[in-house]
Amino acid sequence: MSGAAKGTALITGTTSGIGAAFAERLAREGYDLILVARRGDRLREQAQRLRQEAGVRTTVLCADLSRSQDLRSVERRIAEEPELTLLVNNAGRGDIMPFTEMPAELAENMISLNVTALTVLTHAALPGMLARGGGTIINVASGLSFAVMSPFTVYGATKAYVAHFTELLHAEVGSKGIRLQALVPGLTRTNLGNAEEKRFFDQFPAEMVMMPADLVEASLASLAMGELFCFPRLEDPRQWEEASRAVRAIGATPMSNKPAARYFTAARATPNAG
C-alpha cells in the first residue's frame, strides 16, 4: 500500500544512524520516501528493502550535499515534488578536533553540509508546503548547540545555527501551517565522525548512549505534542522553557543610542596605558 495519504518524506543522510531510523519509522507510518545519501549501493539496498517491507514508494538521490552541484540537484527535486509533506534535515558532519588543528577545508566542508545544505533544502521545501497549507520540517541539531566543548568548536557552532535558525523560522511561518522541530540529540549511537570505527561509544556505559530508533520515537512524539524543541532526555520541559525565555530577554534589551553605563565606569577605572 502506497503512502499517498501521508504524502512524501525526504530524509537526508539516510543510510545509517538517525537518518536510517527515520526512514524505517516513517515507512511504517505510511510515508513514501525520498532517500538522500552519498553511497548509492547502500541507498538502493535500503530503498528496495523498505519497498518490500512497508509497501511504500521509495526514490533514491545519491548526493554529497557538501558539493554545490549535488545540493542543487536535490534542491530542484524538492521544488518539483508535489506531495512533500515532511523534510528531515539529518545529514551532517561532526569531526572531532581542536579548531587550531583542523584544516580550513575540513571546517568549510562541515559548514557547507551542516549549515548551507540544511538552509538551502529548507528554502526549497517551504514554497510548496505553504501553497498546500501545511508541512513539517525536522532539523537535527545537537546537545552541543548549547554546550561548550572545545574539540567540537566548528561542529557545535554549526549546530547552534541549526537550533536558532529553526526557532526563528518558526516565528516566521509557524502560524501558516508549517510545523518545525529542532531535534537536539545527546549522546546517540551513530557513525558521525566515524564514531563506530573509532569505537567512540565503548568509553561510555550503555545506559548513557541512546539508540537512534528511540531518538526518532521521541522526535515524532514531540511533534505530536506541538513542541518546537525536542530534547529526548529532558524530563521537565520547563527547564528549557525558562532558559529560552532568559536568552530571549537578553536579546530584547531596549534600544538605546548609548552603551550601558557600566562600560564608562570600567573605562574610568582603567589606568591609561600611555
Protein backbone atom coordinates (compact mmCIF):
# COMPACT_ATOMS: atom_id res chain seq x y z
CA MET A 1 0.00 0.00 0.00
CA SER A 2 1.44 3.38 -1.02
CA GLY A 3 1.83 6.22 1.47
CA ALA A 4 -0.21 8.65 -0.63
CA ALA A 5 -2.42 9.58 2.32
CA LYS A 6 0.63 10.58 4.37
CA GLY A 7 2.43 12.19 1.46
CA THR A 8 6.17 12.05 0.90
CA ALA A 9 9.06 12.45 3.32
CA LEU A 10 12.55 13.39 2.18
CA ILE A 11 15.34 12.36 4.55
CA THR A 12 18.99 13.31 4.16
CA GLY A 13 21.83 11.16 5.45
CA THR A 14 19.50 8.21 5.42
CA THR A 15 21.66 5.09 5.16
CA SER A 16 22.84 4.93 8.79
CA GLY A 17 22.20 6.19 12.29
CA ILE A 18 19.41 8.69 12.87
CA GLY A 19 18.56 9.01 9.18
CA ALA A 20 18.10 5.24 8.80
CA ALA A 21 15.92 5.16 11.91
CA PHE A 22 13.72 7.93 10.50
CA ALA A 23 13.42 6.04 7.20
CA GLU A 24 12.37 2.82 8.97
CA ARG A 25 9.81 4.53 11.17
CA LEU A 26 8.31 6.78 8.50
CA ALA A 27 7.98 3.86 6.09
CA ARG A 28 5.98 2.00 8.75
CA GLU A 29 3.88 5.14 9.21
CA GLY A 30 2.99 5.01 5.51
CA TYR A 31 5.08 7.80 4.03
CA ASP A 32 6.50 7.47 0.55
CA LEU A 33 10.21 8.20 0.84
CA ILE A 34 12.89 10.15 -0.98
CA LEU A 35 16.18 8.88 0.42
CA VAL A 36 19.29 11.06 0.11
CA ALA A 37 22.83 9.93 0.92
CA ARG A 38 26.26 9.64 -0.63
CA ARG A 39 26.60 5.87 -1.07
CA GLY A 40 24.47 4.71 -3.96
CA ASP A 41 24.83 0.99 -3.26
CA ARG A 42 23.56 1.30 0.30
CA LEU A 43 20.79 3.69 -0.81
CA ARG A 44 19.47 1.27 -3.40
CA GLU A 45 19.58 -1.64 -0.97
CA GLN A 46 17.75 0.40 1.67
CA ALA A 47 15.11 1.59 -0.80
CA GLN A 48 14.39 -1.91 -2.07
CA ARG A 49 14.07 -3.32 1.44
CA LEU A 50 11.69 -0.57 2.61
CA ARG A 51 9.55 -1.01 -0.51
CA GLN A 52 9.23 -4.70 0.17
CA GLU A 53 8.68 -4.44 3.92
CA ALA A 54 6.38 -1.41 4.09
CA GLY A 55 4.83 -1.29 0.63
CA VAL A 56 5.70 2.38 0.12
CA ARG A 57 7.26 4.10 -2.86
CA THR A 58 10.93 4.90 -2.50
CA THR A 59 13.13 7.18 -4.57
CA VAL A 60 16.90 7.39 -4.19
CA LEU A 61 19.03 10.50 -4.71
CA CYS A 62 22.73 9.79 -4.47
CA ALA A 63 24.27 13.10 -3.44
CA ASP A 64 27.05 14.62 -1.39
CA LEU A 65 25.28 17.69 -0.02
CA SER A 66 28.55 19.47 0.71
CA ARG A 67 29.07 19.68 -3.07
CA SER A 68 27.23 22.53 -4.75
CA GLN A 69 26.23 20.55 -7.85
CA ASP A 70 24.74 17.71 -5.81
CA LEU A 71 22.98 20.11 -3.46
CA ARG A 72 21.35 21.96 -6.35
CA SER A 73 20.14 18.66 -7.80
CA VAL A 74 18.36 17.75 -4.55
CA GLU A 75 17.06 21.30 -4.25
CA ARG A 76 15.42 21.01 -7.70
CA ARG A 77 13.94 17.62 -6.81
CA ILE A 78 12.32 19.08 -3.70
CA ALA A 79 10.89 22.00 -5.63
CA GLU A 80 9.34 19.59 -8.14
CA GLU A 81 7.80 17.22 -5.57
CA PRO A 82 4.03 17.82 -5.40
CA GLU A 83 3.42 15.80 -2.23
CA LEU A 84 6.36 16.65 0.01
CA THR A 85 4.84 16.84 3.47
CA LEU A 86 7.91 16.13 5.62
CA LEU A 87 11.57 17.14 5.32
CA VAL A 88 14.13 15.67 7.71
CA ASN A 89 17.42 17.57 7.52
CA ASN A 90 19.62 14.95 9.16
CA ALA A 91 22.82 14.81 7.08
CA GLY A 92 25.75 16.23 8.96
CA ARG A 93 29.44 16.04 9.65
CA GLY A 94 30.97 16.04 13.12
CA ASP A 95 34.76 15.82 13.03
CA ILE A 96 36.29 15.99 16.49
CA MET A 97 39.49 18.02 16.69
CA PRO A 98 40.64 21.36 18.08
CA PHE A 99 39.97 24.27 15.73
CA THR A 100 43.67 25.17 15.57
CA GLU A 101 44.46 21.69 14.24
CA MET A 102 41.56 21.48 11.79
CA PRO A 103 42.37 22.01 8.11
CA ALA A 104 40.47 25.01 6.76
CA GLU A 105 38.91 22.90 4.00
CA LEU A 106 37.51 20.50 6.59
CA ALA A 107 35.89 23.35 8.53
CA GLU A 108 34.47 24.70 5.27
CA ASN A 109 33.08 21.29 4.33
CA MET A 110 31.41 20.91 7.72
CA ILE A 111 29.79 24.34 7.42
CA SER A 112 28.64 23.54 3.87
CA LEU A 113 26.92 20.34 4.98
CA ASN A 114 25.61 21.27 8.43
CA VAL A 115 24.54 24.84 7.65
CA THR A 116 24.35 25.62 3.94
CA ALA A 117 22.71 22.40 2.76
CA LEU A 118 20.12 22.45 5.54
CA THR A 119 19.25 26.07 4.76
CA VAL A 120 19.01 25.53 1.01
CA LEU A 121 16.80 22.44 1.29
CA THR A 122 14.51 24.11 3.80
CA HIS A 123 14.21 27.09 1.47
CA ALA A 124 13.33 24.75 -1.40
CA ALA A 125 10.66 22.90 0.60
CA LEU A 126 8.78 25.84 2.07
CA PRO A 127 7.07 27.34 -1.01
CA GLY A 128 5.25 24.10 -1.84
CA MET A 129 4.33 23.46 1.79
CA LEU A 130 2.98 26.98 2.19
CA ALA A 131 1.00 26.69 -1.04
CA ARG A 132 -0.55 23.42 0.18
CA GLY A 133 -1.27 24.92 3.58
CA GLY A 134 0.93 22.62 5.63
CA GLY A 135 4.12 20.65 6.07
CA THR A 136 6.71 19.59 8.61
CA ILE A 137 10.45 20.22 8.79
CA ILE A 138 12.68 18.46 11.30
CA ASN A 139 16.19 19.89 11.64
CA VAL A 140 18.67 17.72 13.55
CA ALA A 141 20.70 19.92 15.87
CA SER A 142 22.79 18.64 18.79
CA GLY A 143 23.24 18.99 22.51
CA LEU A 144 26.45 20.77 21.50
CA SER A 145 24.26 23.56 20.13
CA PHE A 146 24.24 24.75 23.74
CA ALA A 147 27.18 23.01 25.45
CA VAL A 148 30.71 24.44 25.26
CA MET A 149 33.29 21.73 24.49
CA SER A 150 36.46 22.85 22.75
CA PRO A 151 37.16 19.82 20.50
CA PHE A 152 33.74 20.41 18.91
CA THR A 153 34.21 24.11 18.09
CA VAL A 154 33.07 24.11 14.45
CA TYR A 155 30.54 21.31 14.84
CA GLY A 156 28.95 22.91 17.91
CA ALA A 157 28.78 26.29 16.18
CA THR A 158 27.08 24.82 13.11
CA LYS A 159 24.52 23.04 15.27
CA ALA A 160 23.87 26.25 17.22
CA TYR A 161 22.92 27.76 13.85
CA VAL A 162 20.52 24.88 13.22
CA ALA A 163 18.78 25.38 16.57
CA HIS A 164 18.42 29.15 16.27
CA PHE A 165 17.50 29.03 12.58
CA THR A 166 14.66 26.63 13.37
CA GLU A 167 13.39 28.85 16.18
CA LEU A 168 13.50 32.00 14.05
CA LEU A 169 11.84 30.26 11.10
CA HIS A 170 9.06 29.05 13.37
CA ALA A 171 8.37 32.68 14.30
CA GLU A 172 8.08 33.46 10.59
CA VAL A 173 6.00 30.55 9.23
CA GLY A 174 4.70 28.65 12.25
CA SER A 175 1.35 30.41 12.05
CA LYS A 176 0.98 29.40 8.38
CA GLY A 177 0.53 25.67 8.87
CA ILE A 178 4.23 24.78 8.95
CA ARG A 179 5.41 22.61 11.85
CA LEU A 180 9.09 22.88 12.72
CA GLN A 181 11.22 20.93 15.12
CA ALA A 182 14.79 21.35 16.28
CA LEU A 183 15.75 17.84 17.35
CA VAL A 184 18.51 18.06 19.97
CA PRO A 185 20.13 14.65 20.47
CA GLY A 186 22.52 13.95 23.28
CA LEU A 187 24.95 11.06 23.05
CA THR A 188 23.38 8.84 20.35
CA ARG A 189 24.86 5.79 18.66
CA THR A 190 25.59 6.93 15.12
CA ASN A 191 28.65 6.87 12.89
CA LEU A 192 29.02 10.66 12.89
CA GLY A 193 32.71 11.46 12.67
CA ASN A 194 33.41 7.73 12.11
CA ALA A 195 32.49 7.14 15.74
CA GLU A 196 31.78 3.44 15.25
CA GLU A 197 35.12 2.76 13.55
CA LYS A 198 36.90 4.67 16.30
CA ARG A 199 34.96 2.71 18.96
CA PHE A 200 33.94 6.07 20.43
CA PHE A 201 30.92 4.69 22.27
CA ASP A 202 32.93 1.97 24.03
CA GLN A 203 34.12 4.53 26.58
CA PHE A 204 30.57 5.11 27.87
CA PRO A 205 28.23 2.86 29.87
CA ALA A 206 25.45 1.50 27.65
CA GLU A 207 22.79 3.38 29.64
CA MET A 208 24.35 6.71 28.60
CA VAL A 209 24.08 6.09 24.84
CA MET A 210 20.66 6.45 23.18
CA MET A 211 19.74 4.30 20.21
CA PRO A 212 18.60 6.10 17.04
CA ALA A 213 15.20 4.35 17.00
CA ASP A 214 14.44 5.68 20.48
CA LEU A 215 15.52 9.16 19.44
CA VAL A 216 13.16 9.07 16.45
CA GLU A 217 10.32 7.83 18.65
CA ALA A 218 10.85 10.84 20.92
CA SER A 219 11.04 13.21 17.94
CA LEU A 220 7.71 12.11 16.49
CA ALA A 221 6.04 12.14 19.92
CA SER A 222 7.40 15.66 20.45
CA LEU A 223 5.90 16.75 17.13
CA ALA A 224 2.52 15.38 18.18
CA MET A 225 2.83 17.38 21.41
CA GLY A 226 3.46 20.58 19.48
CA GLU A 227 6.98 21.12 20.83
CA LEU A 228 9.38 23.28 18.80
CA PHE A 229 12.46 21.83 20.53
CA CYS A 230 12.79 18.14 21.24
CA PHE A 231 15.28 17.23 23.99
CA PRO A 232 14.79 13.45 24.16
CA ARG A 233 16.37 13.07 27.62
CA LEU A 234 14.74 16.10 29.25
CA GLU A 235 12.05 15.00 31.71
CA ASP A 236 10.85 18.52 32.62
CA PRO A 237 10.40 20.83 29.59
CA ARG A 238 10.16 23.80 31.92
CA GLN A 239 13.94 23.73 32.25
CA TRP A 240 14.30 24.56 28.56
CA GLU A 241 11.40 27.00 28.54
CA GLU A 242 12.89 29.02 31.40
CA ALA A 243 16.36 29.05 29.84
CA SER A 244 14.94 30.05 26.46
CA ARG A 245 12.95 32.91 27.96
CA ALA A 246 16.07 34.20 29.71
CA VAL A 247 18.07 34.19 26.48
CA ARG A 248 15.29 35.92 24.53
CA ALA A 249 15.03 38.57 27.26
CA ILE A 250 18.70 39.45 26.74
CA GLY A 251 18.13 39.71 23.01
CA ALA A 252 15.18 42.05 23.66
CA THR A 253 17.22 44.62 25.61
CA PRO A 254 15.62 48.07 24.98
CA MET A 255 17.08 50.09 22.13
CA SER A 256 19.44 52.92 23.05
CA ASN A 257 21.98 55.10 21.29
CA LYS A 258 24.29 54.85 24.32
CA PRO A 259 26.30 51.88 25.60
CA ALA A 260 25.48 50.67 29.09
CA ALA A 261 26.80 52.90 31.88
CA ARG A 262 29.00 50.09 33.22
CA TYR A 263 31.32 50.41 30.23
CA PHE A 264 32.01 54.06 31.03
CA THR A 265 32.59 53.14 34.65
CA ALA A 266 35.08 50.48 33.61
CA ALA A 267 36.86 52.91 31.29
CA ARG A 268 37.34 55.46 34.09
CA ALA A 269 38.70 52.74 36.38
CA THR A 270 41.27 51.51 33.83
CA PRO A 271 44.67 53.22 34.08
CA ASN A 272 45.88 54.96 30.95
CA ALA A 273 48.29 52.55 29.32
CA GLY A 274 50.16 55.51 27.79
